[in-house]
N, C-alpha and C. Protein backbone atom coordinates (compact mmCIF):
# COMPACT_ATOMS: atom_id res chain seq x y z
N UNK A 1 -17.68 -5.09 -171.37
CA UNK A 1 -16.44 -5.33 -170.65
C UNK A 1 -16.21 -4.16 -169.70
N UNK A 2 -15.56 -4.45 -168.60
CA UNK A 2 -15.31 -3.41 -167.60
C UNK A 2 -14.01 -3.71 -166.87
N UNK A 3 -13.36 -2.68 -166.44
CA UNK A 3 -12.14 -2.83 -165.66
C UNK A 3 -10.91 -3.00 -166.54
N UNK A 4 -9.77 -2.68 -165.96
CA UNK A 4 -8.52 -2.67 -166.70
C UNK A 4 -8.16 -4.04 -167.27
N UNK A 5 -8.38 -5.12 -166.51
CA UNK A 5 -8.01 -6.45 -167.00
C UNK A 5 -8.85 -6.87 -168.20
N UNK A 6 -10.17 -6.68 -168.13
CA UNK A 6 -11.05 -7.07 -169.25
C UNK A 6 -10.77 -6.21 -170.48
N UNK A 7 -10.59 -4.92 -170.28
CA UNK A 7 -10.31 -4.03 -171.40
C UNK A 7 -8.96 -4.40 -172.02
N UNK A 8 -7.96 -4.65 -171.20
CA UNK A 8 -6.64 -5.04 -171.69
C UNK A 8 -6.68 -6.33 -172.49
N UNK A 9 -7.43 -7.33 -171.99
CA UNK A 9 -7.56 -8.61 -172.71
C UNK A 9 -8.24 -8.41 -174.06
N UNK A 10 -9.27 -7.57 -174.09
CA UNK A 10 -9.97 -7.27 -175.35
C UNK A 10 -9.01 -6.63 -176.35
N UNK A 11 -8.28 -5.61 -175.91
CA UNK A 11 -7.36 -4.92 -176.81
C UNK A 11 -6.22 -5.82 -177.26
N UNK A 12 -5.71 -6.66 -176.36
CA UNK A 12 -4.67 -7.61 -176.75
C UNK A 12 -5.16 -8.54 -177.85
N UNK A 13 -6.42 -9.02 -177.72
CA UNK A 13 -6.99 -9.90 -178.74
C UNK A 13 -7.11 -9.18 -180.08
N UNK A 14 -7.71 -8.01 -180.07
CA UNK A 14 -7.94 -7.28 -181.32
C UNK A 14 -6.63 -6.91 -182.01
N UNK A 15 -5.70 -6.35 -181.25
CA UNK A 15 -4.48 -5.84 -181.87
C UNK A 15 -3.41 -6.90 -182.11
N UNK A 16 -3.68 -8.13 -181.70
CA UNK A 16 -2.75 -9.22 -182.03
C UNK A 16 -3.12 -9.90 -183.35
N UNK A 17 -4.24 -9.54 -183.93
CA UNK A 17 -4.68 -10.13 -185.19
C UNK A 17 -3.88 -9.56 -186.36
N UNK A 18 -3.80 -10.34 -187.44
CA UNK A 18 -3.08 -9.92 -188.64
C UNK A 18 -3.95 -8.96 -189.44
N UNK A 19 -3.96 -7.70 -189.02
CA UNK A 19 -4.82 -6.70 -189.65
C UNK A 19 -4.25 -5.31 -189.37
N UNK A 20 -4.72 -4.35 -190.14
CA UNK A 20 -4.34 -2.96 -189.93
C UNK A 20 -5.53 -2.19 -189.36
N UNK A 21 -5.23 -1.10 -188.67
CA UNK A 21 -6.26 -0.25 -188.06
C UNK A 21 -5.93 1.21 -188.37
N UNK A 22 -6.96 1.99 -188.65
CA UNK A 22 -6.79 3.43 -188.84
C UNK A 22 -7.96 4.14 -188.18
N UNK A 23 -7.69 5.25 -187.54
CA UNK A 23 -8.73 6.06 -186.89
C UNK A 23 -8.91 7.34 -187.70
N UNK A 24 -10.17 7.66 -188.01
CA UNK A 24 -10.51 8.85 -188.78
C UNK A 24 -11.66 9.59 -188.12
N UNK A 25 -11.81 10.84 -188.49
CA UNK A 25 -12.98 11.64 -188.13
C UNK A 25 -13.24 11.69 -186.63
N UNK A 26 -12.20 11.81 -185.82
CA UNK A 26 -12.36 11.87 -184.38
C UNK A 26 -12.82 13.23 -183.90
N UNK A 27 -13.75 13.23 -182.97
CA UNK A 27 -14.20 14.45 -182.30
C UNK A 27 -14.34 14.14 -180.82
N UNK A 28 -14.06 15.14 -179.98
CA UNK A 28 -14.17 14.95 -178.53
C UNK A 28 -14.50 16.28 -177.87
N UNK A 29 -15.28 16.20 -176.80
CA UNK A 29 -15.48 17.36 -175.94
C UNK A 29 -15.43 16.86 -174.50
N UNK A 30 -15.94 17.61 -173.56
CA UNK A 30 -15.81 17.20 -172.16
C UNK A 30 -16.75 16.07 -171.76
N UNK A 31 -17.75 15.72 -172.59
CA UNK A 31 -18.71 14.67 -172.22
C UNK A 31 -18.76 13.49 -173.18
N UNK A 32 -18.32 13.68 -174.44
CA UNK A 32 -18.47 12.62 -175.44
C UNK A 32 -17.25 12.57 -176.36
N UNK A 33 -17.06 11.40 -176.97
CA UNK A 33 -16.09 11.29 -178.05
C UNK A 33 -16.68 10.39 -179.12
N UNK A 34 -16.21 10.56 -180.35
CA UNK A 34 -16.67 9.75 -181.47
C UNK A 34 -15.54 9.63 -182.47
N UNK A 35 -15.48 8.48 -183.15
CA UNK A 35 -14.48 8.28 -184.18
C UNK A 35 -14.90 7.10 -185.05
N UNK A 36 -14.30 7.01 -186.24
CA UNK A 36 -14.51 5.89 -187.15
C UNK A 36 -13.20 5.12 -187.23
N UNK A 37 -13.28 3.81 -187.04
CA UNK A 37 -12.11 2.94 -187.15
C UNK A 37 -12.25 2.09 -188.40
N UNK A 38 -11.23 2.13 -189.25
CA UNK A 38 -11.20 1.33 -190.48
C UNK A 38 -10.16 0.23 -190.29
N UNK A 39 -10.57 -1.02 -190.49
CA UNK A 39 -9.68 -2.16 -190.31
C UNK A 39 -9.64 -2.99 -191.59
N UNK A 40 -8.49 -3.61 -191.82
CA UNK A 40 -8.37 -4.49 -192.97
C UNK A 40 -7.56 -5.72 -192.56
N UNK A 41 -8.17 -6.90 -192.73
CA UNK A 41 -7.49 -8.16 -192.45
C UNK A 41 -6.54 -8.50 -193.58
N UNK A 42 -5.58 -9.38 -193.32
CA UNK A 42 -4.59 -9.75 -194.33
C UNK A 42 -5.21 -10.41 -195.55
N UNK A 43 -6.42 -11.01 -195.41
CA UNK A 43 -7.09 -11.63 -196.56
C UNK A 43 -7.89 -10.62 -197.38
N UNK A 44 -7.84 -9.33 -196.98
CA UNK A 44 -8.54 -8.28 -197.72
C UNK A 44 -9.88 -7.89 -197.14
N UNK A 45 -10.41 -8.65 -196.18
CA UNK A 45 -11.69 -8.32 -195.55
C UNK A 45 -11.57 -6.98 -194.83
N UNK A 46 -12.54 -6.11 -195.07
CA UNK A 46 -12.55 -4.79 -194.44
C UNK A 46 -13.69 -4.68 -193.43
N UNK A 47 -13.42 -3.92 -192.37
CA UNK A 47 -14.42 -3.65 -191.34
C UNK A 47 -14.36 -2.16 -191.04
N UNK A 48 -15.53 -1.52 -190.99
CA UNK A 48 -15.64 -0.13 -190.58
C UNK A 48 -16.44 -0.12 -189.28
N UNK A 49 -15.92 0.56 -188.26
CA UNK A 49 -16.61 0.63 -186.98
C UNK A 49 -16.83 2.08 -186.59
N UNK A 50 -18.08 2.44 -186.34
CA UNK A 50 -18.42 3.76 -185.86
C UNK A 50 -18.53 3.69 -184.35
N UNK A 51 -17.76 4.50 -183.65
CA UNK A 51 -17.66 4.46 -182.19
C UNK A 51 -18.14 5.76 -181.58
N UNK A 52 -18.97 5.67 -180.55
CA UNK A 52 -19.33 6.83 -179.75
C UNK A 52 -19.17 6.43 -178.29
N UNK A 53 -18.76 7.37 -177.46
CA UNK A 53 -18.55 7.07 -176.05
C UNK A 53 -18.95 8.26 -175.19
N UNK A 54 -19.49 7.93 -174.03
CA UNK A 54 -19.81 8.93 -173.01
C UNK A 54 -18.64 8.95 -172.02
N UNK A 55 -18.17 10.15 -171.70
CA UNK A 55 -17.02 10.28 -170.81
C UNK A 55 -17.45 10.70 -169.41
N UNK A 56 -16.79 10.12 -168.42
CA UNK A 56 -17.00 10.49 -167.03
C UNK A 56 -15.70 11.00 -166.44
N UNK A 57 -15.66 11.23 -165.13
CA UNK A 57 -14.47 11.80 -164.51
C UNK A 57 -13.23 10.90 -164.57
N UNK A 58 -13.43 9.60 -164.78
CA UNK A 58 -12.30 8.66 -164.81
C UNK A 58 -12.15 7.95 -166.14
N UNK A 59 -12.76 8.47 -167.20
CA UNK A 59 -12.62 7.86 -168.52
C UNK A 59 -13.96 7.53 -169.14
N UNK A 60 -13.98 6.50 -169.98
CA UNK A 60 -15.20 6.11 -170.69
C UNK A 60 -16.18 5.43 -169.76
N UNK A 61 -17.42 5.93 -169.75
CA UNK A 61 -18.49 5.37 -168.94
C UNK A 61 -19.28 4.33 -169.75
N UNK A 62 -19.52 4.65 -171.01
CA UNK A 62 -20.30 3.77 -171.89
C UNK A 62 -19.82 4.00 -173.31
N UNK A 63 -19.71 2.91 -174.07
CA UNK A 63 -19.28 3.01 -175.47
C UNK A 63 -20.20 2.16 -176.33
N UNK A 64 -20.55 2.70 -177.49
CA UNK A 64 -21.36 1.98 -178.47
C UNK A 64 -20.56 1.89 -179.76
N UNK A 65 -20.51 0.69 -180.33
CA UNK A 65 -19.78 0.45 -181.59
C UNK A 65 -20.73 -0.22 -182.57
N UNK A 66 -20.80 0.31 -183.79
CA UNK A 66 -21.56 -0.30 -184.86
C UNK A 66 -20.58 -0.68 -185.95
N UNK A 67 -20.58 -1.97 -186.34
CA UNK A 67 -19.62 -2.46 -187.33
C UNK A 67 -20.31 -2.80 -188.65
N UNK A 68 -19.59 -2.56 -189.74
CA UNK A 68 -20.02 -3.00 -191.07
C UNK A 68 -18.86 -3.79 -191.67
N UNK A 69 -19.15 -5.04 -192.09
CA UNK A 69 -18.15 -5.95 -192.63
C UNK A 69 -18.37 -6.14 -194.12
N UNK A 70 -17.26 -6.35 -194.87
CA UNK A 70 -17.38 -6.80 -196.25
C UNK A 70 -18.14 -8.12 -196.27
N UNK A 71 -18.90 -8.35 -197.33
CA UNK A 71 -19.61 -9.62 -197.43
C UNK A 71 -18.79 -10.63 -198.22
C-alpha cells in the first residue's frame, strides 16, 4: 500500500475490528524502526506481528510485517 488514502483505508479497516492492540519492544533510530504488535480478537484469537521499517526523509519507505496466529 502507498499514499495517505491507501494507508488510511488500511488502518481504518484494522482498527475498526472488534479487537485490542498493544505495541511492545519498540526501537527506532534515524534509519529504521521495529516493534512487536500483540492483538486479540473478541473470540480470543491472538495475533503477534513483528514489524520492521526503513525510514526516509518523509516517513516509512518500506515495511515488513511477519504475523503468527493462534491455530
